[in-house]
Amino acid sequence: MSLTKKKLRTLPPGRHADSGQNGTIGLYLSVSPKGWRSWLGRVKRDGKTHSFGLGSLRDVDLDEARTEWRGIRRRLRAGETIAEIRGTTPARHSPIWLWPRTWRARAV
């Protein structure tokens, strides 16, 4: 069942797929137990599942999330890597929460 603008505010906690006739494959609305709602895109590449945060429901509406996710999937089909789409490469510094857990343990 595809998500509708009306349903978005009343969904219970959990991950809700935007599938169905008007839905987008791999797009989810994640609802936290406290009620926070955010968009996630999930794709499997080389046997690994990768998640992309697309923003909160407050900032990104349903149509924008679908458009953004379709663009990311199009780029993946065109041959771009996950790192290229995220804008990260090993030489570029990324926020600490993206660093591997083992590196943080050694750095502290």
PDB file of N, CA and C in Angstrom:
ATOM      1  N   MET A   1       0.851  -1.171   0.000  1.00  0.00           N
ATOM      2  CA  MET A   1       0.000   0.000   0.000  1.00  0.00           C
ATOM      3  C   MET A   1       0.897   1.234   0.000  1.00  0.00           C
ATOM      4  N   SER A   2       0.613   2.154  -0.874  1.00  0.00           N
ATOM      5  CA  SER A   2       1.441   3.357  -0.927  1.00  0.00           C
ATOM      6  C   SER A   2       1.004   4.332   0.163  1.00  0.00           C
ATOM      7  N   LEU A   3       1.953   5.114   0.604  1.00  0.00           N
ATOM      8  CA  LEU A   3       1.667   6.110   1.627  1.00  0.00           C
ATOM      9  C   LEU A   3       0.907   7.270   1.002  1.00  0.00           C
ATOM     10  N   THR A   4       0.060   7.892   1.794  1.00  0.00           N
ATOM     11  CA  THR A   4      -0.660   9.084   1.357  1.00  0.00           C
ATOM     12  C   THR A   4      -0.360  10.203   2.348  1.00  0.00           C
ATOM     13  N   LYS A   5      -0.548  11.425   1.913  1.00  0.00           N
ATOM     14  CA  LYS A   5      -0.271  12.569   2.787  1.00  0.00           C
ATOM     15  C   LYS A   5      -1.116  12.518   4.051  1.00  0.00           C
ATOM     16  N   LYS A   6      -2.320  11.998   3.946  1.00  0.00           N
ATOM     17  CA  LYS A   6      -3.213  11.921   5.099  1.00  0.00           C
ATOM     18  C   LYS A   6      -2.729  10.877   6.119  1.00  0.00           C
ATOM     19  N   LYS A   7      -2.203   9.747   5.628  1.00  0.00           N
ATOM     20  CA  LYS A   7      -1.762   8.657   6.509  1.00  0.00           C
ATOM     21  C   LYS A   7      -0.462   8.983   7.253  1.00  0.00           C
ATOM     22  N   LEU A   8       0.365   9.862   6.697  1.00  0.00           N
ATOM     23  CA  LEU A   8       1.702  10.094   7.234  1.00  0.00           C
ATOM     24  C   LEU A   8       1.697  10.498   8.704  1.00  0.00           C
ATOM     25  N   ARG A   9       0.742  11.277   9.122  1.00  0.00           N
ATOM     26  CA  ARG A   9       0.700  11.791  10.500  1.00  0.00           C
ATOM     27  C   ARG A   9       0.142  10.801  11.510  1.00  0.00           C
ATOM     28  N   THR A  10      -0.513   9.732  11.043  1.00  0.00           N
ATOM     29  CA  THR A  10      -1.184   8.817  11.970  1.00  0.00           C
ATOM     30  C   THR A  10      -0.552   7.431  12.036  1.00  0.00           C
ATOM     31  N   LEU A  11       0.555   7.222  11.347  1.00  0.00           N
ATOM     32  CA  LEU A  11       1.189   5.902  11.355  1.00  0.00           C
ATOM     33  C   LEU A  11       1.807   5.593  12.715  1.00  0.00           C
ATOM     34  N   PRO A  12       1.725   4.337  13.176  1.00  0.00           N
ATOM     35  CA  PRO A  12       2.337   3.950  14.446  1.00  0.00           C
ATOM     36  C   PRO A  12       3.859   3.844  14.299  1.00  0.00           C
ATOM     37  N   PRO A  13       4.589   3.737  15.417  1.00  0.00           N
ATOM     38  CA  PRO A  13       6.049   3.588  15.346  1.00  0.00           C
ATOM     39  C   PRO A  13       6.448   2.371  14.515  1.00  0.00           C
ATOM     40  N   GLY A  14       7.544   2.529  13.774  1.00  0.00           N
ATOM     41  CA  GLY A  14       8.053   1.458  12.925  1.00  0.00           C
ATOM     42  C   GLY A  14       8.502   2.012  11.591  1.00  0.00           C
ATOM     43  N   ARG A  15       8.811   1.126  10.675  1.00  0.00           N
ATOM     44  CA  ARG A  15       9.243   1.513   9.333  1.00  0.00           C
ATOM     45  C   ARG A  15       8.125   1.151   8.360  1.00  0.00           C
ATOM     46  N   HIS A  16       7.656   2.140   7.621  1.00  0.00           N
ATOM     47  CA  HIS A  16       6.516   1.964   6.731  1.00  0.00           C
ATOM     48  C   HIS A  16       6.949   2.181   5.290  1.00  0.00           C
ATOM     49  N   ALA A  17       6.743   1.157   4.449  1.00  0.00           N
ATOM     50  CA  ALA A  17       7.176   1.193   3.055  1.00  0.00           C
ATOM     51  C   ALA A  17       6.191   1.986   2.205  1.00  0.00           C
ATOM     52  N   ASP A  18       6.741   2.711   1.258  1.00  0.00           N
ATOM     53  CA  ASP A  18       5.925   3.414   0.271  1.00  0.00           C
ATOM     54  C   ASP A  18       5.874   2.531  -0.969  1.00  0.00           C
ATOM     55  N   SER A  19       4.974   1.572  -0.961  1.00  0.00           N
ATOM     56  CA  SER A  19       4.867   0.638  -2.079  1.00  0.00           C
ATOM     57  C   SER A  19       3.461   0.716  -2.642  1.00  0.00           C
ATOM     58  N   GLY A  20       3.194  -0.027  -3.665  1.00  0.00           N
ATOM     59  CA  GLY A  20       1.872  -0.008  -4.260  1.00  0.00           C
ATOM     60  C   GLY A  20       1.879   0.724  -5.581  1.00  0.00           C
ATOM     61  N   GLN A  21       0.705   1.062  -6.081  1.00  0.00           N
ATOM     62  CA  GLN A  21       0.560   1.639  -7.407  1.00  0.00           C
ATOM     63  C   GLN A  21       1.304   2.968  -7.558  1.00  0.00           C
ATOM     64  N   ASN A  22       1.189   3.853  -6.594  1.00  0.00           N
ATOM     65  CA  ASN A  22       1.840   5.164  -6.679  1.00  0.00           C
ATOM     66  C   ASN A  22       3.105   5.243  -5.842  1.00  0.00           C
ATOM     67  N   GLY A  23       3.518   4.156  -5.247  1.00  0.00           N
ATOM     68  CA  GLY A  23       4.664   4.156  -4.350  1.00  0.00           C
ATOM     69  C   GLY A  23       5.997   4.128  -5.074  1.00  0.00           C
ATOM     70  N   THR A  24       7.046   4.159  -4.276  1.00  0.00           N
ATOM     71  CA  THR A  24       8.402   4.144  -4.787  1.00  0.00           C
ATOM     72  C   THR A  24       9.162   3.024  -4.087  1.00  0.00           C
ATOM     73  N   ILE A  25       9.757   2.114  -4.845  1.00  0.00           N
ATOM     74  CA  ILE A  25      10.473   0.978  -4.278  1.00  0.00           C
ATOM     75  C   ILE A  25      11.658   1.461  -3.456  1.00  0.00           C
ATOM     76  N   GLY A  26      11.771   0.969  -2.221  1.00  0.00           N
ATOM     77  CA  GLY A  26      12.910   1.275  -1.379  1.00  0.00           C
ATOM     78  C   GLY A  26      12.752   2.523  -0.526  1.00  0.00           C
ATOM     79  N   LEU A  27      11.623   3.214  -0.617  1.00  0.00           N
ATOM     80  CA  LEU A  27      11.397   4.424   0.182  1.00  0.00           C
ATOM     81  C   LEU A  27      10.563   4.064   1.406  1.00  0.00           C
ATOM     82  N   TYR A  28      11.028   4.510   2.578  1.00  0.00           N
ATOM     83  CA  TYR A  28      10.355   4.197   3.835  1.00  0.00           C
ATOM     84  C   TYR A  28      10.179   5.460   4.664  1.00  0.00           C
ATOM     85  N   LEU A  29       9.109   5.477   5.450  1.00  0.00           N
ATOM     86  CA  LEU A  29       8.938   6.493   6.479  1.00  0.00           C
ATOM     87  C   LEU A  29       9.204   5.805   7.805  1.00  0.00           C
ATOM     88  N   SER A  30      10.210   6.262   8.499  1.00  0.00           N
ATOM     89  CA  SER A  30      10.558   5.693   9.793  1.00  0.00           C
ATOM     90  C   SER A  30       9.916   6.544  10.884  1.00  0.00           C
ATOM     91  N   VAL A  31       9.146   5.898  11.762  1.00  0.00           N
ATOM     92  CA  VAL A  31       8.469   6.600  12.853  1.00  0.00           C
ATOM     93  C   VAL A  31       9.059   6.081  14.159  1.00  0.00           C
ATOM     94  N   SER A  32       9.646   6.982  14.953  1.00  0.00           N
ATOM     95  CA  SER A  32      10.257   6.590  16.222  1.00  0.00           C
ATOM     96  C   SER A  32       9.169   6.418  17.283  1.00  0.00           C
ATOM     97  N   PRO A  33       9.496   5.747  18.389  1.00  0.00           N
ATOM     98  CA  PRO A  33       8.515   5.601  19.471  1.00  0.00           C
ATOM     99  C   PRO A  33       8.044   6.949  20.033  1.00  0.00           C
ATOM    100  N   LYS A  34       8.871   7.976  19.925  1.00  0.00           N
ATOM    101  CA  LYS A  34       8.475   9.301  20.416  1.00  0.00           C
ATOM    102  C   LYS A  34       7.696  10.099  19.371  1.00  0.00           C
ATOM    103  N   GLY A  35       7.552   9.538  18.162  1.00  0.00           N
ATOM    104  CA  GLY A  35       6.747  10.189  17.144  1.00  0.00           C
ATOM    105  C   GLY A  35       7.514  10.931  16.069  1.00  0.00           C
ATOM    106  N   TRP A  36       8.845  10.943  16.134  1.00  0.00           N
ATOM    107  CA  TRP A  36       9.635  11.599  15.093  1.00  0.00           C
ATOM    108  C   TRP A  36       9.498  10.816  13.798  1.00  0.00           C
ATOM    109  N   ARG A  37       9.371  11.514  12.693  1.00  0.00           N
ATOM    110  CA  ARG A  37       9.158  10.880  11.396  1.00  0.00           C
ATOM    111  C   ARG A  37      10.236  11.347  10.427  1.00  0.00           C
ATOM    112  N   SER A  38      10.896  10.373   9.798  1.00  0.00           N
ATOM    113  CA  SER A  38      11.951  10.722   8.844  1.00  0.00           C
ATOM    114  C   SER A  38      11.928   9.744   7.673  1.00  0.00           C
ATOM    115  N   TRP A  39      12.409  10.247   6.545  1.00  0.00           N
ATOM    116  CA  TRP A  39      12.448   9.457   5.319  1.00  0.00           C
ATOM    117  C   TRP A  39      13.754   8.692   5.194  1.00  0.00           C
ATOM    118  N   LEU A  40      13.652   7.429   4.794  1.00  0.00           N
ATOM    119  CA  LEU A  40      14.809   6.582   4.545  1.00  0.00           C
ATOM    120  C   LEU A  40      14.682   5.946   3.171  1.00  0.00           C
ATOM    121  N   GLY A  41      15.782   5.897   2.474  1.00  0.00           N
ATOM    122  CA  GLY A  41      15.846   5.139   1.243  1.00  0.00           C
ATOM    123  C   GLY A  41      16.794   3.980   1.470  1.00  0.00           C
ATOM    124  N   ARG A  42      16.395   2.786   1.094  1.00  0.00           N
ATOM    125  CA  ARG A  42      17.239   1.610   1.294  1.00  0.00           C
ATOM    126  C   ARG A  42      17.442   0.903  -0.034  1.00  0.00           C
ATOM    127  N   VAL A  43      18.697   0.513  -0.267  1.00  0.00           N
ATOM    128  CA  VAL A  43      19.045  -0.179  -1.502  1.00  0.00           C
ATOM    129  C   VAL A  43      20.079  -1.243  -1.177  1.00  0.00           C
ATOM    130  N   LYS A  44      20.033  -2.361  -1.886  1.00  0.00           N
ATOM    131  CA  LYS A  44      21.008  -3.424  -1.699  1.00  0.00           C
ATOM    132  C   LYS A  44      22.001  -3.357  -2.843  1.00  0.00           C
ATOM    133  N   ARG A  45      23.288  -3.298  -2.497  1.00  0.00           N
ATOM    134  CA  ARG A  45      24.352  -3.202  -3.502  1.00  0.00           C
ATOM    135  C   ARG A  45      25.499  -4.098  -3.079  1.00  0.00           C
ATOM    136  N   ASP A  46      25.931  -4.985  -3.928  1.00  0.00           N
ATOM    137  CA  ASP A  46      27.031  -5.910  -3.653  1.00  0.00           C
ATOM    138  C   ASP A  46      26.788  -6.724  -2.382  1.00  0.00           C
ATOM    139  N   GLY A  47      25.550  -7.141  -2.166  1.00  0.00           N
ATOM    140  CA  GLY A  47      25.212  -7.974  -1.020  1.00  0.00           C
ATOM    141  C   GLY A  47      25.045  -7.220   0.288  1.00  0.00           C
ATOM    142  N   LYS A  48      25.184  -5.901   0.279  1.00  0.00           N
ATOM    143  CA  LYS A  48      25.035  -5.100   1.494  1.00  0.00           C
ATOM    144  C   LYS A  48      23.860  -4.145   1.333  1.00  0.00           C
ATOM    145  N   THR A  49      23.144  -3.916   2.433  1.00  0.00           N
ATOM    146  CA  THR A  49      22.053  -2.961   2.418  1.00  0.00           C
ATOM    147  C   THR A  49      22.586  -1.605   2.841  1.00  0.00           C
ATOM    148  N   HIS A  50      22.281  -0.587   2.050  1.00  0.00           N
ATOM    149  CA  HIS A  50      22.712   0.781   2.340  1.00  0.00           C
ATOM    150  C   HIS A  50      21.480   1.641   2.559  1.00  0.00           C
ATOM    151  N   SER A  51      21.532   2.497   3.575  1.00  0.00           N
ATOM    152  CA  SER A  51      20.424   3.393   3.868  1.00  0.00           C
ATOM    153  C   SER A  51      20.834   4.829   3.598  1.00  0.00           C
ATOM    154  N   PHE A  52      19.909   5.586   3.077  1.00  0.00           N
ATOM    155  CA  PHE A  52      20.114   7.012   2.827  1.00  0.00           C
ATOM    156  C   PHE A  52      19.056   7.779   3.609  1.00  0.00           C
ATOM    157  N   GLY A  53      19.471   8.717   4.431  1.00  0.00           N
ATOM    158  CA  GLY A  53      18.535   9.588   5.119  1.00  0.00           C
ATOM    159  C   GLY A  53      18.148  10.725   4.189  1.00  0.00           C
ATOM    160  N   LEU A  54      16.852  10.915   3.988  1.00  0.00           N
ATOM    161  CA  LEU A  54      16.377  11.938   3.065  1.00  0.00           C
ATOM    162  C   LEU A  54      15.807  13.157   3.780  1.00  0.00           C
ATOM    163  N   GLY A  55      15.744  13.113   5.105  1.00  0.00           N
ATOM    164  CA  GLY A  55      15.249  14.259   5.860  1.00  0.00           C
ATOM    165  C   GLY A  55      14.014  13.917   6.669  1.00  0.00           C
ATOM    166  N   SER A  56      13.617  14.848   7.510  1.00  0.00           N
ATOM    167  CA  SER A  56      12.444  14.628   8.352  1.00  0.00           C
ATOM    168  C   SER A  56      11.179  14.958   7.580  1.00  0.00           C
ATOM    169  N   LEU A  57      10.078  14.419   8.043  1.00  0.00           N
ATOM    170  CA  LEU A  57       8.794  14.681   7.403  1.00  0.00           C
ATOM    171  C   LEU A  57       8.452  16.167   7.485  1.00  0.00           C
ATOM    172  N   ARG A  58       8.924  16.824   8.524  1.00  0.00           N
ATOM    173  CA  ARG A  58       8.666  18.260   8.681  1.00  0.00           C
ATOM    174  C   ARG A  58       9.316  19.068   7.557  1.00  0.00           C
ATOM    175  N   ASP A  59      10.489  18.614   7.096  1.00  0.00           N
ATOM    176  CA  ASP A  59      11.242  19.353   6.078  1.00  0.00           C
ATOM    177  C   ASP A  59      11.007  18.848   4.656  1.00  0.00           C
ATOM    178  N   VAL A  60      10.681  17.567   4.519  1.00  0.00           N
ATOM    179  CA  VAL A  60      10.559  16.943   3.203  1.00  0.00           C
ATOM    180  C   VAL A  60       9.190  16.277   3.107  1.00  0.00           C
ATOM    181  N   ASP A  61       8.351  16.748   2.189  1.00  0.00           N
ATOM    182  CA  ASP A  61       7.032  16.129   2.065  1.00  0.00           C
ATOM    183  C   ASP A  61       7.115  14.863   1.204  1.00  0.00           C
ATOM    184  N   LEU A  62       6.004  14.189   1.055  1.00  0.00           N
ATOM    185  CA  LEU A  62       5.956  12.905   0.365  1.00  0.00           C
ATOM    186  C   LEU A  62       6.428  13.009  -1.087  1.00  0.00           C
ATOM    187  N   ASP A  63       5.966  14.006  -1.791  1.00  0.00           N
ATOM    188  CA  ASP A  63       6.354  14.155  -3.196  1.00  0.00           C
ATOM    189  C   ASP A  63       7.845  14.435  -3.348  1.00  0.00           C
ATOM    190  N   GLU A  64       8.392  15.267  -2.474  1.00  0.00           N
ATOM    191  CA  GLU A  64       9.827  15.574  -2.527  1.00  0.00           C
ATOM    192  C   GLU A  64      10.658  14.338  -2.220  1.00  0.00           C
ATOM    193  N   ALA A  65      10.232  13.544  -1.227  1.00  0.00           N
ATOM    194  CA  ALA A  65      10.961  12.327  -0.869  1.00  0.00           C
ATOM    195  C   ALA A  65      10.949  11.339  -2.030  1.00  0.00           C
ATOM    196  N   ARG A  66       9.798  11.179  -2.680  1.00  0.00           N
ATOM    197  CA  ARG A  66       9.711  10.272  -3.824  1.00  0.00           C
ATOM    198  C   ARG A  66      10.619  10.740  -4.961  1.00  0.00           C
ATOM    199  N   THR A  67      10.600  12.022  -5.249  1.00  0.00           N
ATOM    200  CA  THR A  67      11.427  12.561  -6.326  1.00  0.00           C
ATOM    201  C   THR A  67      12.910  12.382  -6.023  1.00  0.00           C
ATOM    202  N   GLU A  68      13.307  12.711  -4.795  1.00  0.00           N
ATOM    203  CA  GLU A  68      14.712  12.581  -4.400  1.00  0.00           C
ATOM    204  C   GLU A  68      15.166  11.127  -4.476  1.00  0.00           C
ATOM    205  N   TRP A  69      14.339  10.212  -3.978  1.00  0.00           N
ATOM    206  CA  TRP A  69      14.720   8.798  -3.974  1.00  0.00           C
ATOM    207  C   TRP A  69      14.795   8.235  -5.389  1.00  0.00           C
ATOM    208  N   ARG A  70      13.877   8.625  -6.245  1.00  0.00           N
ATOM    209  CA  ARG A  70      13.943   8.177  -7.641  1.00  0.00           C
ATOM    210  C   ARG A  70      15.220   8.668  -8.308  1.00  0.00           C
ATOM    211  N   GLY A  71      15.637   9.892  -7.976  1.00  0.00           N
ATOM    212  CA  GLY A  71      16.888  10.422  -8.516  1.00  0.00           C
ATOM    213  C   GLY A  71      18.096   9.628  -8.048  1.00  0.00           C
ATOM    214  N   ILE A  72      18.114   9.239  -6.790  1.00  0.00           N
ATOM    215  CA  ILE A  72      19.226   8.450  -6.250  1.00  0.00           C
ATOM    216  C   ILE A  72      19.251   7.076  -6.915  1.00  0.00           C
ATOM    217  N   ARG A  73      18.098   6.448  -7.053  1.00  0.00           N
ATOM    218  CA  ARG A  73      18.051   5.126  -7.707  1.00  0.00           C
ATOM    219  C   ARG A  73      18.485   5.220  -9.167  1.00  0.00           C
ATOM    220  N   ARG A  74      18.117   6.296  -9.834  1.00  0.00           N
ATOM    221  CA  ARG A  74      18.530   6.506 -11.226  1.00  0.00           C
ATOM    222  C   ARG A  74      20.053   6.618 -11.318  1.00  0.00           C
ATOM    223  N   ARG A  75      20.657   7.342 -10.379  1.00  0.00           N
ATOM    224  CA  ARG A  75      22.116   7.494 -10.369  1.00  0.00           C
ATOM    225  C   ARG A  75      22.805   6.156 -10.109  1.00  0.00           C
ATOM    226  N   LEU A  76      22.232   5.326  -9.232  1.00  0.00           N
ATOM    227  CA  LEU A  76      22.795   3.999  -8.969  1.00  0.00           C
ATOM    228  C   LEU A  76      22.720   3.120 -10.216  1.00  0.00           C
ATOM    229  N   ARG A  77      21.606   3.157 -10.922  1.00  0.00           N
ATOM    230  CA  ARG A  77      21.467   2.378 -12.154  1.00  0.00           C
ATOM    231  C   ARG A  77      22.444   2.856 -13.222  1.00  0.00           C
ATOM    232  N   ALA A  78      22.785   4.152 -13.188  1.00  0.00           N
ATOM    233  CA  ALA A  78      23.727   4.707 -14.167  1.00  0.00           C
ATOM    234  C   ALA A  78      25.172   4.319 -13.851  1.00  0.00           C
ATOM    235  N   GLY A  79      25.409   3.705 -12.687  1.00  0.00           N
ATOM    236  CA  GLY A  79      26.740   3.217 -12.375  1.00  0.00           C
ATOM    237  C   GLY A  79      27.498   3.978 -11.306  1.00  0.00           C
ATOM    238  N   GLU A  80      26.895   4.995 -10.700  1.00  0.00           N
ATOM    239  CA  GLU A  80      27.592   5.716  -9.628  1.00  0.00           C
ATOM    240  C   GLU A  80      27.689   4.823  -8.395  1.00  0.00           C
ATOM    241  N   THR A  81      28.727   5.049  -7.617  1.00  0.00           N
ATOM    242  CA  THR A  81      28.907   4.277  -6.388  1.00  0.00           C
ATOM    243  C   THR A  81      28.155   4.942  -5.241  1.00  0.00           C
ATOM    244  N   ILE A  82      27.985   4.180  -4.166  1.00  0.00           N
ATOM    245  CA  ILE A  82      27.323   4.710  -2.970  1.00  0.00           C
ATOM    246  C   ILE A  82      28.089   5.923  -2.444  1.00  0.00           C
ATOM    247  N   ALA A  83      29.424   5.830  -2.404  1.00  0.00           N
ATOM    248  CA  ALA A  83      30.248   6.928  -1.894  1.00  0.00           C
ATOM    249  C   ALA A  83      30.104   8.180  -2.753  1.00  0.00           C
ATOM    250  N   GLU A  84      30.009   8.014  -4.051  1.00  0.00           N
ATOM    251  CA  GLU A  84      29.844   9.173  -4.934  1.00  0.00           C
ATOM    252  C   GLU A  84      28.507   9.859  -4.692  1.00  0.00           C
ATOM    253  N   ILE A  85      27.480   9.087  -4.492  1.00  0.00           N
ATOM    254  CA  ILE A  85      26.157   9.664  -4.264  1.00  0.00           C
ATOM    255  C   ILE A  85      26.107  10.370  -2.923  1.00  0.00           C
ATOM    256  N   ARG A  86      26.702   9.770  -1.913  1.00  0.00           N
ATOM    257  CA  ARG A  86      26.719  10.404  -0.590  1.00  0.00           C
ATOM    258  C   ARG A  86      27.667  11.587  -0.528  1.00  0.00           C
ATOM    259  N   GLY A  87      28.586  11.644  -1.487  1.00  0.00           N
ATOM    260  CA  GLY A  87      29.543  12.745  -1.484  1.00  0.00           C
ATOM    261  C   GLY A  87      30.710  12.502  -0.562  1.00  0.00           C
ATOM    262  N   THR A  88      30.963  11.232  -0.243  1.00  0.00           N
ATOM    263  CA  THR A  88      32.082  10.897   0.635  1.00  0.00           C
ATOM    264  C   THR A  88      33.080  10.034  -0.116  1.00  0.00           C
ATOM    265  N   THR A  89      34.325  10.265   0.130  1.00  0.00           N
ATOM    266  CA  THR A  89      35.396   9.425  -0.385  1.00  0.00           C
ATOM    267  C   THR A  89      36.351   9.193   0.774  1.00  0.00           C
ATOM    268  N   PRO A  90      37.206   8.194   0.705  1.00  0.00           N
ATOM    269  CA  PRO A  90      38.125   7.949   1.821  1.00  0.00           C
ATOM    270  C   PRO A  90      39.023   9.137   2.146  1.00  0.00           C
ATOM    271  N   ALA A  91      39.343   9.968   1.169  1.00  0.00           N
ATOM    272  CA  ALA A  91      40.233  11.099   1.417  1.00  0.00           C
ATOM    273  C   ALA A  91      39.502  12.271   2.058  1.00  0.00           C
ATOM    274  N   ARG A  92      38.190  12.311   1.948  1.00  0.00           N
ATOM    275  CA  ARG A  92      37.421  13.436   2.475  1.00  0.00           C
ATOM    276  C   ARG A  92      37.034  13.179   3.919  1.00  0.00           C
ATOM    277  N   HIS A  93      37.115  14.211   4.745  1.00  0.00           N
ATOM    278  CA  HIS A  93      36.726  14.065   6.146  1.00  0.00           C
ATOM    279  C   HIS A  93      35.217  14.044   6.253  1.00  0.00           C
ATOM    280  N   SER A  94      34.711  13.157   7.079  1.00  0.00           N
ATOM    281  CA  SER A  94      33.277  13.055   7.284  1.00  0.00           C
ATOM    282  C   SER A  94      32.964  13.260   8.763  1.00  0.00           C
ATOM    283  N   PRO A  95      31.702  13.522   9.111  1.00  0.00           N
ATOM    284  CA  PRO A  95      31.342  13.696  10.518  1.00  0.00           C
ATOM    285  C   PRO A  95      31.723  12.473  11.335  1.00  0.00           C
ATOM    286  N   ILE A  96      31.972  12.669  12.613  1.00  0.00           N
ATOM    287  CA  ILE A  96      32.463  11.591  13.473  1.00  0.00           C
ATOM    288  C   ILE A  96      31.498  10.415  13.523  1.00  0.00           C
ATOM    289  N   TRP A  97      30.196  10.661  13.399  1.00  0.00           N
ATOM    290  CA  TRP A  97      29.248   9.560  13.480  1.00  0.00           C
ATOM    291  C   TRP A  97      29.310   8.659  12.256  1.00  0.00           C
ATOM    292  N   LEU A  98      30.027   9.059  11.199  1.00  0.00           N
ATOM    293  CA  LEU A  98      30.205   8.190  10.042  1.00  0.00           C
ATOM    294  C   LEU A  98      31.501   7.384  10.116  1.00  0.00           C
ATOM    295  N   TRP A  99      32.375   7.724  11.047  1.00  0.00           N
ATOM    296  CA  TRP A  99      33.657   7.025  11.143  1.00  0.00           C
ATOM    297  C   TRP A  99      33.449   5.626  11.696  1.00  0.00           C
ATOM    298  N   PRO A 100      34.302   4.693  11.321  1.00  0.00           N
ATOM    299  CA  PRO A 100      34.174   3.331  11.856  1.00  0.00           C
ATOM    300  C   PRO A 100      34.344   3.311  13.365  1.00  0.00           C
ATOM    301  N   ARG A 101      33.622   2.427  14.007  1.00  0.00           N
ATOM    302  CA  ARG A 101      33.647   2.337  15.466  1.00  0.00           C
ATOM    303  C   ARG A 101      35.072   2.033  15.985  1.00  0.00           C
ATOM    304  N   THR A 102      35.837   1.224  15.275  1.00  0.00           N
ATOM    305  CA  THR A 102      37.177   0.879  15.741  1.00  0.00           C
ATOM    306  C   THR A 102      38.088   2.107  15.757  1.00  0.00           C
ATOM    307  N   TRP A 103      37.905   3.011  14.792  1.00  0.00           N
ATOM    308  CA  TRP A 103      38.733   4.215  14.757  1.00  0.00           C
ATOM    309  C   TRP A 103      38.443   5.085  15.958  1.00  0.00           C
ATOM    310  N   ARG A 104      37.169   5.239  16.319  1.00  0.00           N
ATOM    311  CA  ARG A 104      36.802   6.064  17.470  1.00  0.00           C
ATOM    312  C   ARG A 104      37.407   5.503  18.743  1.00  0.00           C
ATOM    313  N   ALA A 105      37.426   4.176  18.871  1.00  0.00           N
ATOM    314  CA  ALA A 105      37.951   3.572  20.079  1.00  0.00           C
ATOM    315  C   ALA A 105      39.454   3.870  20.213  1.00  0.00           C
ATOM    316  N   ARG A 106      40.185   3.857  19.107  1.00  0.00           N
ATOM    317  CA  ARG A 106      41.610   4.147  19.170  1.00  0.00           C
ATOM    318  C   ARG A 106      41.889   5.640  19.387  1.00  0.00           C
ATOM    319  N   ALA A 107      41.011   6.478  18.860  1.00  0.00           N
ATOM    320  CA  ALA A 107      41.268   7.917  18.925  1.00  0.00           C
ATOM    321  C   ALA A 107      40.987   8.492  20.311  1.00  0.00           C
ATOM    322  N   VAL A 108      40.168   7.842  21.092  1.00  0.00           N
ATOM    323  CA  VAL A 108      39.776   8.413  22.387  1.00  0.00           C
ATOM    324  C   VAL A 108      40.771   8.095  23.444  1.00  0.00           C
TER     325      VAL A 108
END
